[in-house]
Amino acid sequence: LCEVHRRSEFEPLMQLAWGWGLEMTRCHAGRNGCVTSVWVR
């Protein structure tokens, strides 16, 4: 469960999560570039 605060950080987050073998089950884009996402195995 991760909250990044700049949209530019979301792509690296996706690559890391996929590399761990996880898939995204929830994503919420907030204000000012903040993105909260949930990744599960």
All heavy atoms as atom14 arrays in JSON, in Angstrom:
{
  "sequence": "LCEVHRRSEFEPLMQLAWGWGLEMTRCHAGRNGCVTSVWVR",
  "atom14_mask": [
    [1, 1, 1, 1, 1, 1, 1, 1, 0, 0, 0, 0, 0, 0],
    [1, 1, 1, 1, 1, 1, 0, 0, 0, 0, 0, 0, 0, 0],
    [1, 1, 1, 1, 1, 1, 1, 1, 1, 0, 0, 0, 0, 0],
    [1, 1, 1, 1, 1, 1, 1, 0, 0, 0, 0, 0, 0, 0],
    [1, 1, 1, 1, 1, 1, 1, 1, 1, 1, 0, 0, 0, 0],
    [1, 1, 1, 1, 1, 1, 1, 1, 1, 1, 1, 0, 0, 0],
    [1, 1, 1, 1, 1, 1, 1, 1, 1, 1, 1, 0, 0, 0],
    [1, 1, 1, 1, 1, 1, 0, 0, 0, 0, 0, 0, 0, 0],
    [1, 1, 1, 1, 1, 1, 1, 1, 1, 0, 0, 0, 0, 0],
    [1, 1, 1, 1, 1, 1, 1, 1, 1, 1, 1, 0, 0, 0],
    [1, 1, 1, 1, 1, 1, 1, 1, 1, 0, 0, 0, 0, 0],
    [1, 1, 1, 1, 1, 1, 1, 0, 0, 0, 0, 0, 0, 0],
    [1, 1, 1, 1, 1, 1, 1, 1, 0, 0, 0, 0, 0, 0],
    [1, 1, 1, 1, 1, 1, 1, 1, 0, 0, 0, 0, 0, 0],
    [1, 1, 1, 1, 1, 1, 1, 1, 1, 0, 0, 0, 0, 0],
    [1, 1, 1, 1, 1, 1, 1, 1, 0, 0, 0, 0, 0, 0],
    [1, 1, 1, 1, 1, 0, 0, 0, 0, 0, 0, 0, 0, 0],
    [1, 1, 1, 1, 1, 1, 1, 1, 1, 1, 1, 1, 1, 1],
    [1, 1, 1, 1, 0, 0, 0, 0, 0, 0, 0, 0, 0, 0],
    [1, 1, 1, 1, 1, 1, 1, 1, 1, 1, 1, 1, 1, 1],
    [1, 1, 1, 1, 0, 0, 0, 0, 0, 0, 0, 0, 0, 0],
    [1, 1, 1, 1, 1, 1, 1, 1, 0, 0, 0, 0, 0, 0],
    [1, 1, 1, 1, 1, 1, 1, 1, 1, 0, 0, 0, 0, 0],
    [1, 1, 1, 1, 1, 1, 1, 1, 0, 0, 0, 0, 0, 0],
    [1, 1, 1, 1, 1, 1, 1, 0, 0, 0, 0, 0, 0, 0],
    [1, 1, 1, 1, 1, 1, 1, 1, 1, 1, 1, 0, 0, 0],
    [1, 1, 1, 1, 1, 1, 0, 0, 0, 0, 0, 0, 0, 0],
    [1, 1, 1, 1, 1, 1, 1, 1, 1, 1, 0, 0, 0, 0],
    [1, 1, 1, 1, 1, 0, 0, 0, 0, 0, 0, 0, 0, 0],
    [1, 1, 1, 1, 0, 0, 0, 0, 0, 0, 0, 0, 0, 0],
    [1, 1, 1, 1, 1, 1, 1, 1, 1, 1, 1, 0, 0, 0],
    [1, 1, 1, 1, 1, 1, 1, 1, 0, 0, 0, 0, 0, 0],
    [1, 1, 1, 1, 0, 0, 0, 0, 0, 0, 0, 0, 0, 0],
    [1, 1, 1, 1, 1, 1, 0, 0, 0, 0, 0, 0, 0, 0],
    [1, 1, 1, 1, 1, 1, 1, 0, 0, 0, 0, 0, 0, 0],
    [1, 1, 1, 1, 1, 1, 1, 0, 0, 0, 0, 0, 0, 0],
    [1, 1, 1, 1, 1, 1, 0, 0, 0, 0, 0, 0, 0, 0],
    [1, 1, 1, 1, 1, 1, 1, 0, 0, 0, 0, 0, 0, 0],
    [1, 1, 1, 1, 1, 1, 1, 1, 1, 1, 1, 1, 1, 1],
    [1, 1, 1, 1, 1, 1, 1, 0, 0, 0, 0, 0, 0, 0],
    [1, 1, 1, 1, 1, 1, 1, 1, 1, 1, 1, 0, 0, 0]
  ],
  "atom14_positions": [
    [[0.87, -1.17, 0.0], [0.0, 0.0, 0.0], [0.9, 1.22, 0.0], [1.69, 1.41, 0.93], [-0.91, 0.01, 1.23], [-1.89, -1.17, 1.37], [-1.2, -2.4, 1.96], [-3.07, -0.79, 2.25], [0.0, 0.0, 0.0], [0.0, 0.0, 0.0], [0.0, 0.0, 0.0], [0.0, 0.0, 0.0], [0.0, 0.0, 0.0], [0.0, 0.0, 0.0]],
    [[0.82, 2.03, -1.05], [1.79, 3.11, -1.21], [1.11, 4.39, -1.69], [0.23, 4.34, -2.55], [2.88, 2.7, -2.19], [4.22, 3.91, -2.36], [0.0, 0.0, 0.0], [0.0, 0.0, 0.0], [0.0, 0.0, 0.0], [0.0, 0.0, 0.0], [0.0, 0.0, 0.0], [0.0, 0.0, 0.0], [0.0, 0.0, 0.0], [0.0, 0.0, 0.0]],
    [[1.53, 5.5, -1.12], [1.07, 6.81, -1.57], [2.27, 7.6, -2.04], [3.16, 7.93, -1.25], [0.35, 7.55, -0.44], [-0.18, 8.91, -0.86], [-1.03, 9.58, 0.2], [-1.86, 8.88, 0.82], [-0.87, 10.8, 0.41], [0.0, 0.0, 0.0], [0.0, 0.0, 0.0], [0.0, 0.0, 0.0], [0.0, 0.0, 0.0], [0.0, 0.0, 0.0]],
    [[2.31, 7.87, -3.36], [3.37, 8.73, -3.89], [2.8, 10.13, -4.06], [1.6, 10.3, -4.27], [3.93, 8.19, -5.23], [4.64, 6.87, -5.01], [2.82, 8.04, -6.27], [0.0, 0.0, 0.0], [0.0, 0.0, 0.0], [0.0, 0.0, 0.0], [0.0, 0.0, 0.0], [0.0, 0.0, 0.0], [0.0, 0.0, 0.0], [0.0, 0.0, 0.0]],
    [[3.65, 11.13, -3.97], [3.18, 12.5, -3.94], [3.55, 13.3, -5.18], [3.3, 14.5, -5.25], [3.7, 13.19, -2.68], [3.13, 12.6, -1.43], [3.59, 11.42, -0.89], [2.1, 13.01, -0.63], [2.88, 11.14, 0.2], [1.99, 12.07, 0.37], [0.0, 0.0, 0.0], [0.0, 0.0, 0.0], [0.0, 0.0, 0.0], [0.0, 0.0, 0.0]],
    [[4.13, 12.61, -6.17], [4.4, 13.21, -7.46], [4.04, 12.2, -8.53], [4.41, 11.03, -8.44], [5.87, 13.62, -7.57], [6.27, 14.76, -6.63], [7.76, 14.98, -6.57], [8.44, 13.89, -5.89], [9.71, 13.93, -5.52], [10.44, 15.0, -5.79], [10.27, 12.91, -4.89], [0.0, 0.0, 0.0], [0.0, 0.0, 0.0], [0.0, 0.0, 0.0]],
    [[3.29, 12.62, -9.54], [2.86, 11.69, -10.6], [4.04, 11.0, -11.26], [3.93, 9.86, -11.72], [2.03, 12.45, -11.65], [0.71, 12.99, -11.1], [-0.32, 11.9, -10.92], [-1.47, 12.37, -10.15], [-2.54, 12.96, -10.67], [-2.59, 13.18, -11.98], [-3.53, 13.34, -9.9], [0.0, 0.0, 0.0], [0.0, 0.0, 0.0], [0.0, 0.0, 0.0]],
    [[5.19, 11.68, -11.32], [6.37, 11.09, -11.95], [6.87, 9.86, -11.2], [7.63, 9.07, -11.75], [7.49, 12.13, -12.03], [7.88, 12.57, -10.73], [0.0, 0.0, 0.0], [0.0, 0.0, 0.0], [0.0, 0.0, 0.0], [0.0, 0.0, 0.0], [0.0, 0.0, 0.0], [0.0, 0.0, 0.0], [0.0, 0.0, 0.0], [0.0, 0.0, 0.0]],
    [[6.45, 9.69, -9.94], [6.89, 8.54, -9.15], [6.02, 7.31, -9.37], [6.39, 6.21, -8.94], [6.89, 8.9, -7.66], [7.89, 9.97, -7.29], [7.78, 10.37, -5.83], [6.65, 10.39, -5.29], [8.83, 10.67, -5.22], [0.0, 0.0, 0.0], [0.0, 0.0, 0.0], [0.0, 0.0, 0.0], [0.0, 0.0, 0.0], [0.0, 0.0, 0.0]],
    [[4.88, 7.49, -10.03], [3.97, 6.36, -10.15], [4.49, 5.29, -11.12], [4.33, 4.1, -10.89], [2.58, 6.82, -10.59], [1.54, 5.75, -10.48], [1.17, 5.24, -9.24], [0.93, 5.22, -11.62], [0.22, 4.24, -9.13], [-0.02, 4.22, -11.51], [-0.38, 3.73, -10.26], [0.0, 0.0, 0.0], [0.0, 0.0, 0.0], [0.0, 0.0, 0.0]],
    [[5.13, 5.7, -12.2], [5.69, 4.73, -13.15], [6.76, 3.86, -12.49], [6.72, 2.62, -12.61], [6.26, 5.46, -14.37], [6.93, 4.54, -15.39], [5.96, 3.6, -16.08], [4.77, 3.95, -16.2], [6.39, 2.51, -16.5], [0.0, 0.0, 0.0], [0.0, 0.0, 0.0], [0.0, 0.0, 0.0], [0.0, 0.0, 0.0], [0.0, 0.0, 0.0]],
    [[7.74, 4.45, -11.77], [8.7, 3.6, -11.05], [8.03, 2.69, -10.04], [8.46, 1.54, -9.85], [9.63, 4.6, -10.36], [9.51, 5.85, -11.14], [8.11, 5.88, -11.68], [0.0, 0.0, 0.0], [0.0, 0.0, 0.0], [0.0, 0.0, 0.0], [0.0, 0.0, 0.0], [0.0, 0.0, 0.0], [0.0, 0.0, 0.0], [0.0, 0.0, 0.0]],
    [[6.98, 3.17, -9.38], [6.25, 2.33, -8.43], [5.64, 1.13, -9.14], [5.74, -0.01, -8.64], [5.16, 3.15, -7.74], [4.16, 2.36, -6.89], [4.86, 1.62, -5.76], [3.07, 3.27, -6.35], [0.0, 0.0, 0.0], [0.0, 0.0, 0.0], [0.0, 0.0, 0.0], [0.0, 0.0, 0.0], [0.0, 0.0, 0.0], [0.0, 0.0, 0.0]],
    [[5.03, 1.35, -10.29], [4.44, 0.24, -11.04], [5.49, -0.8, -11.41], [5.25, -2.01, -11.28], [3.75, 0.77, -12.31], [2.44, 1.49, -12.06], [1.49, 1.73, -13.59], [2.62, 2.72, -14.55], [0.0, 0.0, 0.0], [0.0, 0.0, 0.0], [0.0, 0.0, 0.0], [0.0, 0.0, 0.0], [0.0, 0.0, 0.0], [0.0, 0.0, 0.0]],
    [[6.64, -0.34, -11.88], [7.69, -1.27, -12.28], [8.18, -2.09, -11.1], [8.42, -3.3, -11.21], [8.85, -0.49, -12.92], [8.48, 0.25, -14.2], [7.98, -0.68, -15.3], [8.42, -1.81, -15.42], [7.05, -0.18, -16.1], [0.0, 0.0, 0.0], [0.0, 0.0, 0.0], [0.0, 0.0, 0.0], [0.0, 0.0, 0.0], [0.0, 0.0, 0.0]],
    [[8.32, -1.44, -9.95], [8.76, -2.16, -8.75], [7.73, -3.18, -8.31], [8.06, -4.33, -8.0], [9.03, -1.16, -7.62], [10.31, -0.34, -7.74], [10.26, 0.88, -6.82], [11.51, -1.21, -7.39], [0.0, 0.0, 0.0], [0.0, 0.0, 0.0], [0.0, 0.0, 0.0], [0.0, 0.0, 0.0], [0.0, 0.0, 0.0], [0.0, 0.0, 0.0]],
    [[6.46, -2.78, -8.27], [5.4, -3.68, -7.83], [5.27, -4.87, -8.78], [5.12, -6.02, -8.34], [4.08, -2.93, -7.73], [0.0, 0.0, 0.0], [0.0, 0.0, 0.0], [0.0, 0.0, 0.0], [0.0, 0.0, 0.0], [0.0, 0.0, 0.0], [0.0, 0.0, 0.0], [0.0, 0.0, 0.0], [0.0, 0.0, 0.0], [0.0, 0.0, 0.0]],
    [[5.32, -4.62, -10.07], [5.26, -5.73, -11.03], [6.47, -6.65, -10.87], [6.35, -7.87, -10.99], [5.2, -5.17, -12.45], [3.88, -4.55, -12.81], [2.66, -4.81, -12.23], [3.66, -3.55, -13.8], [1.69, -4.03, -12.81], [2.26, -3.25, -13.77], [4.47, -2.87, -14.7], [1.69, -2.3, -14.63], [3.89, -1.93, -15.55], [2.52, -1.66, -15.52]],
    [[7.63, -6.05, -10.62], [8.82, -6.86, -10.4], [8.72, -7.76, -9.18], [9.34, -8.82, -9.13], [0.0, 0.0, 0.0], [0.0, 0.0, 0.0], [0.0, 0.0, 0.0], [0.0, 0.0, 0.0], [0.0, 0.0, 0.0], [0.0, 0.0, 0.0], [0.0, 0.0, 0.0], [0.0, 0.0, 0.0], [0.0, 0.0, 0.0], [0.0, 0.0, 0.0]],
    [[7.92, -7.34, -8.2], [7.68, -8.16, -7.02], [6.6, -9.21, -7.26], [6.32, -10.02, -6.39], [7.25, -7.28, -5.85], [8.34, -6.43, -5.27], [9.64, -6.35, -5.68], [8.21, -5.51, -4.18], [10.33, -5.44, -4.91], [9.48, -4.92, -3.98], [7.15, -5.14, -3.35], [9.72, -3.97, -2.98], [7.39, -4.19, -2.36], [8.65, -3.62, -2.18]],
    [[5.97, -9.17, -8.44], [4.92, -10.13, -8.75], [3.54, -9.72, -8.25], [2.67, -10.57, -8.09], [0.0, 0.0, 0.0], [0.0, 0.0, 0.0], [0.0, 0.0, 0.0], [0.0, 0.0, 0.0], [0.0, 0.0, 0.0], [0.0, 0.0, 0.0], [0.0, 0.0, 0.0], [0.0, 0.0, 0.0], [0.0, 0.0, 0.0], [0.0, 0.0, 0.0]],
    [[3.33, -8.41, -8.04], [2.06, -7.92, -7.52], [1.21, -7.34, -8.63], [1.71, -6.95, -9.68], [2.31, -6.85, -6.45], [3.21, -7.24, -5.27], [3.46, -6.03, -4.38], [2.59, -8.38, -4.47], [0.0, 0.0, 0.0], [0.0, 0.0, 0.0], [0.0, 0.0, 0.0], [0.0, 0.0, 0.0], [0.0, 0.0, 0.0], [0.0, 0.0, 0.0]],
    [[-0.1, -7.28, -8.39], [-1.0, -6.63, -9.34], [-1.82, -5.57, -8.6], [-2.15, -5.73, -7.42], [-1.92, -7.64, -10.0], [-2.86, -8.37, -9.07], [-3.76, -9.35, -9.8], [-3.37, -9.81, -10.9], [-4.84, -9.67, -9.27], [0.0, 0.0, 0.0], [0.0, 0.0, 0.0], [0.0, 0.0, 0.0], [0.0, 0.0, 0.0], [0.0, 0.0, 0.0]],
    [[-2.16, -4.5, -9.31], [-2.87, -3.4, -8.68], [-4.36, -3.69, -8.56], [-5.0, -4.11, -9.52], [-2.66, -2.11, -9.47], [-3.2, -0.86, -8.78], [-2.63, 0.68, -9.57], [-3.42, 0.51, -11.19], [0.0, 0.0, 0.0], [0.0, 0.0, 0.0], [0.0, 0.0, 0.0], [0.0, 0.0, 0.0], [0.0, 0.0, 0.0], [0.0, 0.0, 0.0]],
    [[-4.91, -3.47, -7.37], [-6.34, -3.7, -7.14], [-7.09, -2.44, -6.76], [-8.32, -2.45, -6.67], [-6.55, -4.74, -6.02], [-5.99, -4.24, -4.8], [-5.91, -6.07, -6.38], [0.0, 0.0, 0.0], [0.0, 0.0, 0.0], [0.0, 0.0, 0.0], [0.0, 0.0, 0.0], [0.0, 0.0, 0.0], [0.0, 0.0, 0.0], [0.0, 0.0, 0.0]],
    [[-6.35, -1.35, -6.55], [-6.99, -0.09, -6.17], [-6.05, 1.05, -6.49], [-4.85, 0.96, -6.24], [-7.34, -0.09, -4.68], [-7.93, 1.21, -4.15], [-9.35, 1.42, -4.59], [-9.94, 2.6, -3.97], [-11.04, 3.19, -4.4], [-11.68, 2.72, -5.46], [-11.53, 4.25, -3.79], [0.0, 0.0, 0.0], [0.0, 0.0, 0.0], [0.0, 0.0, 0.0]],
    [[-6.61, 2.15, -7.06], [-5.8, 3.33, -7.35], [-6.69, 4.56, -7.21], [-7.79, 4.6, -7.76], [-5.21, 3.25, -8.76], [-4.14, 4.66, -9.18], [0.0, 0.0, 0.0], [0.0, 0.0, 0.0], [0.0, 0.0, 0.0], [0.0, 0.0, 0.0], [0.0, 0.0, 0.0], [0.0, 0.0, 0.0], [0.0, 0.0, 0.0], [0.0, 0.0, 0.0]],
    [[-6.21, 5.52, -6.46], [-6.95, 6.77, -6.27], [-6.0, 7.93, -6.5], [-5.0, 8.07, -5.8], [-7.54, 6.84, -4.87], [-8.23, 8.15, -4.59], [-9.5, 8.43, -5.02], [-7.8, 9.27, -3.93], [-9.85, 9.65, -4.64], [-8.83, 10.18, -3.99], [0.0, 0.0, 0.0], [0.0, 0.0, 0.0], [0.0, 0.0, 0.0], [0.0, 0.0, 0.0]],
    [[-6.31, 8.76, -7.51], [-5.5, 9.94, -7.8], [-6.1, 11.14, -7.07], [-7.26, 11.5, -7.3], [-5.47, 10.19, -9.3], [0.0, 0.0, 0.0], [0.0, 0.0, 0.0], [0.0, 0.0, 0.0], [0.0, 0.0, 0.0], [0.0, 0.0, 0.0], [0.0, 0.0, 0.0], [0.0, 0.0, 0.0], [0.0, 0.0, 0.0], [0.0, 0.0, 0.0]],
    [[-5.32, 11.72, -6.17], [-5.78, 12.86, -5.41], [-5.27, 14.17, -5.98], [-4.88, 14.26, -7.15], [0.0, 0.0, 0.0], [0.0, 0.0, 0.0], [0.0, 0.0, 0.0], [0.0, 0.0, 0.0], [0.0, 0.0, 0.0], [0.0, 0.0, 0.0], [0.0, 0.0, 0.0], [0.0, 0.0, 0.0], [0.0, 0.0, 0.0], [0.0, 0.0, 0.0]],
    [[-5.25, 15.18, -5.15], [-4.82, 16.5, -5.6], [-3.3, 16.6, -5.63], [-2.59, 15.84, -4.99], [-5.37, 17.57, -4.65], [-6.89, 17.65, -4.62], [-7.34, 18.69, -3.6], [-6.93, 18.33, -2.25], [-7.05, 19.12, -1.2], [-7.56, 20.32, -1.35], [-6.66, 18.72, 0.0], [0.0, 0.0, 0.0], [0.0, 0.0, 0.0], [0.0, 0.0, 0.0]],
    [[-2.81, 17.54, -6.41], [-1.38, 17.9, -6.42], [-0.46, 16.73, -6.75], [0.66, 16.65, -6.23], [-0.99, 18.51, -5.07], [-1.84, 19.73, -4.72], [-2.14, 20.54, -5.59], [-2.23, 19.83, -3.46], [0.0, 0.0, 0.0], [0.0, 0.0, 0.0], [0.0, 0.0, 0.0], [0.0, 0.0, 0.0], [0.0, 0.0, 0.0], [0.0, 0.0, 0.0]],
    [[-0.91, 15.81, -7.6], [-0.05, 14.72, -8.03], [0.02, 13.53, -7.11], [0.76, 12.59, -7.36], [0.0, 0.0, 0.0], [0.0, 0.0, 0.0], [0.0, 0.0, 0.0], [0.0, 0.0, 0.0], [0.0, 0.0, 0.0], [0.0, 0.0, 0.0], [0.0, 0.0, 0.0], [0.0, 0.0, 0.0], [0.0, 0.0, 0.0], [0.0, 0.0, 0.0]],
    [[-0.75, 13.53, -6.03], [-0.73, 12.43, -5.07], [-1.53, 11.24, -5.6], [-2.66, 11.4, -6.06], [-1.31, 12.92, -3.75], [-1.39, 11.67, -2.48], [0.0, 0.0, 0.0], [0.0, 0.0, 0.0], [0.0, 0.0, 0.0], [0.0, 0.0, 0.0], [0.0, 0.0, 0.0], [0.0, 0.0, 0.0], [0.0, 0.0, 0.0], [0.0, 0.0, 0.0]],
    [[-0.94, 10.05, -5.55], [-1.62, 8.83, -6.0], [-1.48, 7.75, -4.94], [-0.37, 7.41, -4.54], [-1.04, 8.31, -7.33], [-1.8, 7.06, -7.78], [-1.1, 9.39, -8.41], [0.0, 0.0, 0.0], [0.0, 0.0, 0.0], [0.0, 0.0, 0.0], [0.0, 0.0, 0.0], [0.0, 0.0, 0.0], [0.0, 0.0, 0.0], [0.0, 0.0, 0.0]],
    [[-2.6, 7.22, -4.47], [-2.62, 6.12, -3.52], [-2.99, 4.85, -4.26], [-3.99, 4.82, -4.98], [-3.63, 6.37, -2.4], [-3.3, 7.59, -1.73], [-3.62, 5.24, -1.39], [0.0, 0.0, 0.0], [0.0, 0.0, 0.0], [0.0, 0.0, 0.0], [0.0, 0.0, 0.0], [0.0, 0.0, 0.0], [0.0, 0.0, 0.0], [0.0, 0.0, 0.0]],
    [[-2.2, 3.79, -4.1], [-2.49, 2.55, -4.81], [-2.26, 1.35, -3.89], [-1.5, 1.41, -2.94], [-1.63, 2.42, -6.07], [-0.25, 2.49, -5.76], [0.0, 0.0, 0.0], [0.0, 0.0, 0.0], [0.0, 0.0, 0.0], [0.0, 0.0, 0.0], [0.0, 0.0, 0.0], [0.0, 0.0, 0.0], [0.0, 0.0, 0.0], [0.0, 0.0, 0.0]],
    [[-2.97, 0.26, -4.23], [-2.87, -1.0, -3.49], [-2.47, -2.09, -4.47], [-3.05, -2.21, -5.56], [-4.2, -1.36, -2.81], [-4.09, -2.69, -2.08], [-4.62, -0.26, -1.83], [0.0, 0.0, 0.0], [0.0, 0.0, 0.0], [0.0, 0.0, 0.0], [0.0, 0.0, 0.0], [0.0, 0.0, 0.0], [0.0, 0.0, 0.0], [0.0, 0.0, 0.0]],
    [[-1.49, -2.88, -4.08], [-0.97, -3.96, -4.92], [-1.0, -5.25, -4.11], [-0.57, -5.28, -2.96], [0.46, -3.65, -5.34], [0.6, -2.33, -6.04], [0.63, -1.09, -5.46], [0.7, -2.11, -7.45], [0.76, -0.11, -6.41], [0.8, -0.71, -7.65], [0.72, -2.96, -8.56], [0.92, -0.14, -8.91], [0.84, -2.4, -9.81], [0.94, -1.01, -9.97]],
    [[-1.5, -6.33, -4.71], [-1.59, -7.6, -3.98], [-1.0, -8.72, -4.84], [-0.87, -8.62, -6.05], [-3.05, -7.94, -3.61], [-3.64, -6.86, -2.74], [-3.89, -8.16, -4.86], [0.0, 0.0, 0.0], [0.0, 0.0, 0.0], [0.0, 0.0, 0.0], [0.0, 0.0, 0.0], [0.0, 0.0, 0.0], [0.0, 0.0, 0.0], [0.0, 0.0, 0.0]],
    [[-0.66, -9.79, -4.14], [-0.08, -10.93, -4.83], [-1.2, -11.83, -5.34], [-2.07, -12.25, -4.56], [0.83, -11.72, -3.88], [1.65, -12.82, -4.57], [2.79, -13.28, -3.69], [3.67, -12.17, -3.29], [4.57, -11.61, -4.11], [4.72, -12.05, -5.35], [5.32, -10.61, -3.66], [0.0, 0.0, 0.0], [0.0, 0.0, 0.0], [0.0, 0.0, 0.0]]
  ]
}
